[in-house]
N, C-alpha and C. Protein backbone atom coordinates (compact mmCIF):
# COMPACT_ATOMS: atom_id res chain seq x y z
N UNK A 1 -5.53 8.18 14.14
CA UNK A 1 -4.21 7.95 13.58
C UNK A 1 -3.99 8.91 12.43
N UNK A 2 -2.76 9.25 12.23
CA UNK A 2 -2.46 10.14 11.12
C UNK A 2 -1.94 9.34 9.93
N UNK A 3 -1.94 9.98 8.80
CA UNK A 3 -1.43 9.36 7.58
C UNK A 3 0.02 8.93 7.77
N UNK A 4 0.82 9.82 8.33
CA UNK A 4 2.25 9.53 8.50
C UNK A 4 2.48 8.33 9.42
N UNK A 5 1.66 8.21 10.47
CA UNK A 5 1.82 7.08 11.39
C UNK A 5 1.49 5.78 10.69
N UNK A 6 0.38 5.73 9.97
CA UNK A 6 0.00 4.51 9.25
C UNK A 6 1.06 4.13 8.22
N UNK A 7 1.56 5.10 7.49
CA UNK A 7 2.59 4.80 6.48
C UNK A 7 3.84 4.27 7.15
N UNK A 8 4.24 4.88 8.25
CA UNK A 8 5.41 4.42 8.99
C UNK A 8 5.20 3.00 9.51
N UNK A 9 4.04 2.73 10.04
CA UNK A 9 3.73 1.39 10.55
C UNK A 9 3.70 0.36 9.42
N UNK A 10 3.15 0.74 8.28
CA UNK A 10 3.12 -0.17 7.13
C UNK A 10 4.53 -0.47 6.64
N UNK A 11 5.39 0.54 6.63
CA UNK A 11 6.78 0.32 6.22
C UNK A 11 7.49 -0.60 7.20
N UNK A 12 7.22 -0.41 8.49
CA UNK A 12 7.81 -1.28 9.51
C UNK A 12 7.33 -2.72 9.31
N UNK A 13 6.05 -2.88 9.02
CA UNK A 13 5.50 -4.21 8.77
C UNK A 13 6.16 -4.86 7.56
N UNK A 14 6.32 -4.11 6.49
CA UNK A 14 6.97 -4.65 5.29
C UNK A 14 8.41 -5.07 5.60
N UNK A 15 9.11 -4.28 6.38
CA UNK A 15 10.48 -4.62 6.77
C UNK A 15 10.48 -5.91 7.60
N UNK A 16 9.53 -6.02 8.53
CA UNK A 16 9.43 -7.22 9.36
C UNK A 16 9.11 -8.46 8.52
N UNK A 17 8.44 -8.26 7.39
CA UNK A 17 8.12 -9.37 6.49
C UNK A 17 9.27 -9.71 5.55
N UNK A 18 10.39 -9.00 5.70
CA UNK A 18 11.58 -9.33 4.93
C UNK A 18 11.85 -8.46 3.72
N UNK A 19 11.08 -7.42 3.54
CA UNK A 19 11.33 -6.51 2.42
C UNK A 19 12.49 -5.60 2.78
N UNK A 20 13.40 -5.41 1.83
CA UNK A 20 14.51 -4.50 2.09
C UNK A 20 14.02 -3.05 2.04
N UNK A 21 14.90 -2.12 2.36
CA UNK A 21 14.52 -0.71 2.44
C UNK A 21 13.96 -0.18 1.12
N UNK A 22 14.52 -0.62 0.01
CA UNK A 22 14.06 -0.14 -1.30
C UNK A 22 12.64 -0.64 -1.60
N UNK A 23 12.28 -1.82 -1.09
CA UNK A 23 10.95 -2.37 -1.37
C UNK A 23 9.94 -2.05 -0.26
N UNK A 24 10.42 -1.52 0.85
CA UNK A 24 9.53 -1.10 1.94
C UNK A 24 9.41 0.43 1.90
N UNK A 25 9.20 0.95 0.70
CA UNK A 25 9.14 2.40 0.51
C UNK A 25 7.73 2.92 0.73
N UNK A 26 7.57 4.22 0.58
CA UNK A 26 6.27 4.84 0.81
C UNK A 26 5.20 4.33 -0.15
N UNK A 27 5.57 4.14 -1.42
CA UNK A 27 4.59 3.64 -2.39
C UNK A 27 4.10 2.25 -1.96
N UNK A 28 5.02 1.40 -1.57
CA UNK A 28 4.64 0.06 -1.14
C UNK A 28 3.76 0.11 0.11
N UNK A 29 4.07 1.01 1.02
CA UNK A 29 3.24 1.17 2.22
C UNK A 29 1.83 1.62 1.85
N UNK A 30 1.72 2.58 0.95
CA UNK A 30 0.40 3.05 0.52
C UNK A 30 -0.38 1.94 -0.19
N UNK A 31 0.31 1.16 -1.01
CA UNK A 31 -0.35 0.05 -1.70
C UNK A 31 -0.82 -0.99 -0.69
N UNK A 32 0.01 -1.31 0.29
CA UNK A 32 -0.40 -2.26 1.32
C UNK A 32 -1.63 -1.76 2.05
N UNK A 33 -1.63 -0.51 2.44
CA UNK A 33 -2.78 0.06 3.15
C UNK A 33 -4.04 0.05 2.29
N UNK A 34 -3.87 0.27 1.00
CA UNK A 34 -5.05 0.24 0.11
C UNK A 34 -5.54 -1.19 -0.06
N UNK A 35 -4.63 -2.16 -0.13
CA UNK A 35 -5.04 -3.55 -0.24
C UNK A 35 -5.79 -4.03 1.00
N UNK A 36 -5.54 -3.37 2.11
CA UNK A 36 -6.24 -3.68 3.36
C UNK A 36 -7.49 -2.83 3.53
N UNK A 37 -7.72 -1.89 2.58
CA UNK A 37 -8.83 -0.93 2.65
C UNK A 37 -8.83 -0.22 4.00
N UNK A 38 -7.64 0.13 4.45
CA UNK A 38 -7.50 0.78 5.74
C UNK A 38 -7.47 2.29 5.55
N UNK A 39 -8.39 2.97 6.16
CA UNK A 39 -8.47 4.43 6.05
C UNK A 39 -7.50 5.07 7.04
N UNK A 40 -7.08 6.29 6.78
CA UNK A 40 -6.09 6.95 7.64
C UNK A 40 -6.51 7.06 9.11
N UNK A 41 -7.79 7.18 9.38
CA UNK A 41 -8.23 7.35 10.76
C UNK A 41 -8.71 6.04 11.40
N UNK A 42 -8.53 4.93 10.70
CA UNK A 42 -9.01 3.64 11.20
C UNK A 42 -7.88 2.87 11.88
N UNK A 43 -8.22 2.11 12.92
CA UNK A 43 -7.22 1.25 13.54
C UNK A 43 -6.94 0.04 12.65
N UNK A 44 -5.79 -0.59 12.86
CA UNK A 44 -5.40 -1.75 12.06
C UNK A 44 -6.43 -2.88 12.18
N UNK A 45 -7.14 -2.94 13.27
CA UNK A 45 -8.14 -4.01 13.45
C UNK A 45 -9.28 -3.92 12.45
N UNK A 46 -9.43 -2.79 11.77
CA UNK A 46 -10.48 -2.64 10.76
C UNK A 46 -10.01 -3.02 9.36
N UNK A 47 -8.81 -3.53 9.25
CA UNK A 47 -8.30 -3.94 7.94
C UNK A 47 -9.18 -5.05 7.37
N UNK A 48 -9.33 -5.03 6.04
CA UNK A 48 -10.11 -6.07 5.37
C UNK A 48 -9.27 -6.64 4.25
N UNK A 49 -9.86 -7.47 3.43
CA UNK A 49 -9.12 -8.17 2.39
C UNK A 49 -9.88 -8.17 1.07
N UNK A 50 -10.16 -6.98 0.50
CA UNK A 50 -10.89 -6.94 -0.76
C UNK A 50 -9.97 -7.29 -1.94
N UNK A 51 -10.57 -7.63 -3.04
CA UNK A 51 -9.79 -7.85 -4.26
C UNK A 51 -9.79 -6.54 -5.04
N UNK A 52 -8.62 -5.99 -5.27
CA UNK A 52 -8.49 -4.71 -5.97
C UNK A 52 -7.51 -4.85 -7.11
N UNK A 53 -7.83 -4.21 -8.23
CA UNK A 53 -6.90 -4.12 -9.33
C UNK A 53 -6.02 -2.89 -9.16
N UNK A 54 -5.09 -2.72 -10.07
CA UNK A 54 -4.14 -1.60 -9.98
C UNK A 54 -4.87 -0.26 -10.02
N UNK A 55 -5.84 -0.14 -10.90
CA UNK A 55 -6.60 1.12 -10.99
C UNK A 55 -7.34 1.43 -9.69
N UNK A 56 -7.97 0.40 -9.11
CA UNK A 56 -8.69 0.59 -7.85
C UNK A 56 -7.74 0.95 -6.72
N UNK A 57 -6.55 0.38 -6.73
CA UNK A 57 -5.55 0.73 -5.71
C UNK A 57 -5.18 2.20 -5.83
N UNK A 58 -4.87 2.64 -7.03
CA UNK A 58 -4.50 4.04 -7.26
C UNK A 58 -5.65 4.97 -6.89
N UNK A 59 -6.88 4.58 -7.22
CA UNK A 59 -8.05 5.38 -6.87
C UNK A 59 -8.23 5.46 -5.36
N UNK A 60 -8.04 4.35 -4.65
CA UNK A 60 -8.17 4.32 -3.20
C UNK A 60 -7.13 5.24 -2.55
N UNK A 61 -5.90 5.15 -3.04
CA UNK A 61 -4.82 6.00 -2.50
C UNK A 61 -5.17 7.47 -2.72
N UNK A 62 -5.70 7.77 -3.89
CA UNK A 62 -6.05 9.17 -4.21
C UNK A 62 -7.22 9.64 -3.34
N UNK A 63 -8.27 8.85 -3.23
CA UNK A 63 -9.47 9.31 -2.53
C UNK A 63 -9.34 9.25 -1.01
N UNK A 64 -8.79 8.17 -0.49
CA UNK A 64 -8.76 8.01 0.96
C UNK A 64 -7.46 8.45 1.61
N UNK A 65 -6.38 8.42 0.85
CA UNK A 65 -5.09 8.83 1.41
C UNK A 65 -4.63 10.18 0.87
N UNK A 66 -5.46 10.78 0.02
CA UNK A 66 -5.21 12.12 -0.53
C UNK A 66 -3.80 12.25 -1.10
N UNK A 67 -3.42 11.24 -1.88
CA UNK A 67 -2.12 11.24 -2.53
C UNK A 67 -2.34 10.78 -3.97
N UNK A 68 -2.02 11.63 -4.92
CA UNK A 68 -2.28 11.30 -6.32
C UNK A 68 -1.03 10.82 -7.03
N UNK A 69 -1.20 9.74 -7.75
CA UNK A 69 -0.17 9.25 -8.65
C UNK A 69 -0.55 9.66 -10.06
N UNK A 70 0.43 9.95 -10.88
CA UNK A 70 0.18 10.24 -12.29
C UNK A 70 -0.34 8.96 -12.95
N UNK A 71 -1.07 9.12 -14.03
CA UNK A 71 -1.65 7.96 -14.73
C UNK A 71 -0.59 6.91 -15.07
N UNK A 72 0.59 7.34 -15.48
CA UNK A 72 1.62 6.37 -15.87
C UNK A 72 2.26 5.70 -14.65
N UNK A 73 1.90 6.10 -13.45
CA UNK A 73 2.43 5.48 -12.23
C UNK A 73 1.79 4.13 -11.95
N UNK A 74 0.67 3.85 -12.59
CA UNK A 74 0.04 2.54 -12.39
C UNK A 74 1.01 1.42 -12.74
N UNK A 75 1.82 1.64 -13.76
CA UNK A 75 2.80 0.63 -14.14
C UNK A 75 3.84 0.45 -13.03
N UNK A 76 4.24 1.52 -12.37
CA UNK A 76 5.18 1.42 -11.25
C UNK A 76 4.55 0.65 -10.10
N UNK A 77 3.29 0.93 -9.82
CA UNK A 77 2.59 0.20 -8.77
C UNK A 77 2.56 -1.28 -9.11
N UNK A 78 2.22 -1.59 -10.34
CA UNK A 78 2.12 -3.00 -10.76
C UNK A 78 3.48 -3.69 -10.75
N UNK A 79 4.45 -3.07 -11.41
CA UNK A 79 5.74 -3.72 -11.61
C UNK A 79 6.61 -3.73 -10.37
N UNK A 80 6.68 -2.60 -9.66
CA UNK A 80 7.65 -2.48 -8.58
C UNK A 80 7.08 -2.72 -7.19
N UNK A 81 5.77 -2.83 -7.08
CA UNK A 81 5.20 -3.11 -5.76
C UNK A 81 4.39 -4.40 -5.79
N UNK A 82 3.38 -4.47 -6.65
CA UNK A 82 2.54 -5.67 -6.64
C UNK A 82 3.32 -6.93 -7.01
N UNK A 83 4.23 -6.84 -7.94
CA UNK A 83 5.02 -8.02 -8.29
C UNK A 83 5.85 -8.48 -7.09
N UNK A 84 6.36 -7.54 -6.29
CA UNK A 84 7.12 -7.89 -5.10
C UNK A 84 6.21 -8.57 -4.07
N UNK A 85 4.98 -8.05 -3.95
CA UNK A 85 4.01 -8.65 -3.02
C UNK A 85 3.62 -10.05 -3.48
N UNK A 86 3.48 -10.23 -4.78
CA UNK A 86 3.15 -11.56 -5.34
C UNK A 86 4.29 -12.53 -5.05
N UNK A 87 5.53 -12.10 -5.32
CA UNK A 87 6.70 -12.96 -5.07
C UNK A 87 6.81 -13.37 -3.61
N UNK A 88 6.36 -12.49 -2.70
CA UNK A 88 6.42 -12.78 -1.27
C UNK A 88 5.21 -13.57 -0.79
N UNK A 89 4.25 -13.83 -1.69
CA UNK A 89 3.05 -14.59 -1.33
C UNK A 89 2.01 -13.77 -0.56
N UNK A 90 2.13 -12.46 -0.64
CA UNK A 90 1.17 -11.60 0.08
C UNK A 90 -0.12 -11.40 -0.68
N UNK A 91 -0.07 -11.39 -2.00
CA UNK A 91 -1.25 -11.21 -2.82
C UNK A 91 -1.27 -12.25 -3.92
């Protein structure tokens, strides 16, 4: 699987779970994939459920998804993605 396919599938999943287009964005898709510890070349069946903090999520996205967020982006991940996931009962 490619990175783009997984991100697209994650966005579709978020939409199916009731997230609007603004909340089913690429950042949210990457965060979801990191929360599942799903690597770009892994099938969805290999998803897991580790406990990760914001820093670990950003590190996972950087190392396994080869996408770097600036240090101050951790607040965006926390406020605009994780809080939405918490409100939806996902995390």
